[in-house]
């Protein structure tokens, strides 16, 4: 349910906004990995969520570029 809401929110974004979101998610992923390496990570499930959000954004970017190429 939560991921469906996140996906619909991401679908509403433009290509530039998706790129910005991807950059933010990559920064968050780096910070989470750094926290995990130093033993400061409290919410280990967030690593998985961020990784899947990155995949969602990349998938939507690819769909938009293929859709624009067809049109």
C-alpha atoms as a PDB file:
ATOM      1  CA  UNK A   1       0.000   0.000   0.000  1.00  0.00           C
ATOM      2  CA  UNK A   2       2.729   2.430   0.962  1.00  0.00           C
ATOM      3  CA  UNK A   3       4.818   1.608  -2.110  1.00  0.00           C
ATOM      4  CA  UNK A   4       1.780   2.070  -4.357  1.00  0.00           C
ATOM      5  CA  UNK A   5       1.289   5.566  -2.956  1.00  0.00           C
ATOM      6  CA  UNK A   6       4.986   6.300  -3.426  1.00  0.00           C
ATOM      7  CA  UNK A   7       4.821   5.054  -7.020  1.00  0.00           C
ATOM      8  CA  UNK A   8       1.821   7.215  -7.869  1.00  0.00           C
ATOM      9  CA  UNK A   9       3.602  10.228  -6.360  1.00  0.00           C
ATOM     10  CA  UNK A  10       6.681   9.506  -8.457  1.00  0.00           C
ATOM     11  CA  UNK A  11       4.642   9.094 -11.643  1.00  0.00           C
ATOM     12  CA  UNK A  12       3.343  12.647 -11.227  1.00  0.00           C
ATOM     13  CA  UNK A  13       6.881  14.072 -11.368  1.00  0.00           C
ATOM     14  CA  UNK A  14       8.546  15.432 -14.485  1.00  0.00           C
ATOM     15  CA  UNK A  15      11.810  14.055 -15.872  1.00  0.00           C
ATOM     16  CA  UNK A  16      13.853  16.795 -14.182  1.00  0.00           C
ATOM     17  CA  UNK A  17      12.134  16.211 -10.871  1.00  0.00           C
ATOM     18  CA  UNK A  18      12.804  12.483 -11.173  1.00  0.00           C
ATOM     19  CA  UNK A  19      16.490  13.224 -11.720  1.00  0.00           C
ATOM     20  CA  UNK A  20      16.547  15.410  -8.610  1.00  0.00           C
ATOM     21  CA  UNK A  21      14.774  12.694  -6.630  1.00  0.00           C
ATOM     22  CA  UNK A  22      17.323  10.133  -7.809  1.00  0.00           C
ATOM     23  CA  UNK A  23      20.189  12.353  -6.645  1.00  0.00           C
ATOM     24  CA  UNK A  24      18.546  12.775  -3.235  1.00  0.00           C
ATOM     25  CA  UNK A  25      17.983   9.034  -2.887  1.00  0.00           C
ATOM     26  CA  UNK A  26      21.578   8.269  -3.847  1.00  0.00           C
ATOM     27  CA  UNK A  27      22.803  10.721  -1.195  1.00  0.00           C
ATOM     28  CA  UNK A  28      20.553   9.114   1.386  1.00  0.00           C
ATOM     29  CA  UNK A  29      21.799   5.672   0.370  1.00  0.00           C
ATOM     30  CA  UNK A  30      25.387   6.801   0.818  1.00  0.00           C
ATOM     31  CA  UNK A  31      24.635   8.252   4.241  1.00  0.00           C
ATOM     32  CA  UNK A  32      22.855   5.061   5.317  1.00  0.00           C
ATOM     33  CA  UNK A  33      25.760   2.925   4.135  1.00  0.00           C
ATOM     34  CA  UNK A  34      28.169   5.168   6.013  1.00  0.00           C
ATOM     35  CA  UNK A  35      26.066   4.922   9.178  1.00  0.00           C
ATOM     36  CA  UNK A  36      25.965   1.148   8.823  1.00  0.00           C
ATOM     37  CA  UNK A  37      29.730   0.964   8.491  1.00  0.00           C
ATOM     38  CA  UNK A  38      30.253   3.047  11.621  1.00  0.00           C
ATOM     39  CA  UNK A  39      27.618   1.189  13.633  1.00  0.00           C
ATOM     40  CA  UNK A  40      25.275   4.170  13.943  1.00  0.00           C
ATOM     41  CA  UNK A  41      22.465   2.861  11.735  1.00  0.00           C
ATOM     42  CA  UNK A  42      19.229   2.496  13.698  1.00  0.00           C
ATOM     43  CA  UNK A  43      16.679   1.716  10.982  1.00  0.00           C
ATOM     44  CA  UNK A  44      18.226  -1.042   8.879  1.00  0.00           C
ATOM     45  CA  UNK A  45      15.006  -1.505   6.885  1.00  0.00           C
ATOM     46  CA  UNK A  46      15.425   1.989   5.452  1.00  0.00           C
ATOM     47  CA  UNK A  47      18.406   0.777   3.394  1.00  0.00           C
ATOM     48  CA  UNK A  48      16.129  -1.649   1.542  1.00  0.00           C
ATOM     49  CA  UNK A  49      13.403   0.973   1.075  1.00  0.00           C
ATOM     50  CA  UNK A  50      15.841   3.476  -0.411  1.00  0.00           C
ATOM     51  CA  UNK A  51      17.321   0.867  -2.732  1.00  0.00           C
ATOM     52  CA  UNK A  52      13.858  -0.014  -4.009  1.00  0.00           C
ATOM     53  CA  UNK A  53      12.910   3.650  -4.389  1.00  0.00           C
ATOM     54  CA  UNK A  54      16.021   4.151  -6.523  1.00  0.00           C
ATOM     55  CA  UNK A  55      14.903   1.257  -8.716  1.00  0.00           C
ATOM     56  CA  UNK A  56      11.409   2.765  -8.993  1.00  0.00           C
ATOM     57  CA  UNK A  57      12.780   6.131 -10.077  1.00  0.00           C
ATOM     58  CA  UNK A  58      15.094   4.566 -12.648  1.00  0.00           C
ATOM     59  CA  UNK A  59      12.249   2.456 -14.025  1.00  0.00           C
ATOM     60  CA  UNK A  60      10.010   5.504 -14.385  1.00  0.00           C
ATOM     61  CA  UNK A  61      12.804   7.461 -16.061  1.00  0.00           C
ATOM     62  CA  UNK A  62      13.265   4.648 -18.560  1.00  0.00           C
ATOM     63  CA  UNK A  63       9.525   4.414 -19.220  1.00  0.00           C
ATOM     64  CA  UNK A  64       9.317   8.148 -19.830  1.00  0.00           C
ATOM     65  CA  UNK A  65      12.239   8.134 -22.261  1.00  0.00           C
ATOM     66  CA  UNK A  66      10.776   5.185 -24.182  1.00  0.00           C
ATOM     67  CA  UNK A  67       7.349   6.835 -24.204  1.00  0.00           C
ATOM     68  CA  UNK A  68       8.825  10.072 -25.507  1.00  0.00           C
ATOM     69  CA  UNK A  69      10.686   8.207 -28.235  1.00  0.00           C
ATOM     70  CA  UNK A  70       7.482   6.563 -29.480  1.00  0.00           C
ATOM     71  CA  UNK A  71       5.533   9.820 -29.546  1.00  0.00           C
END
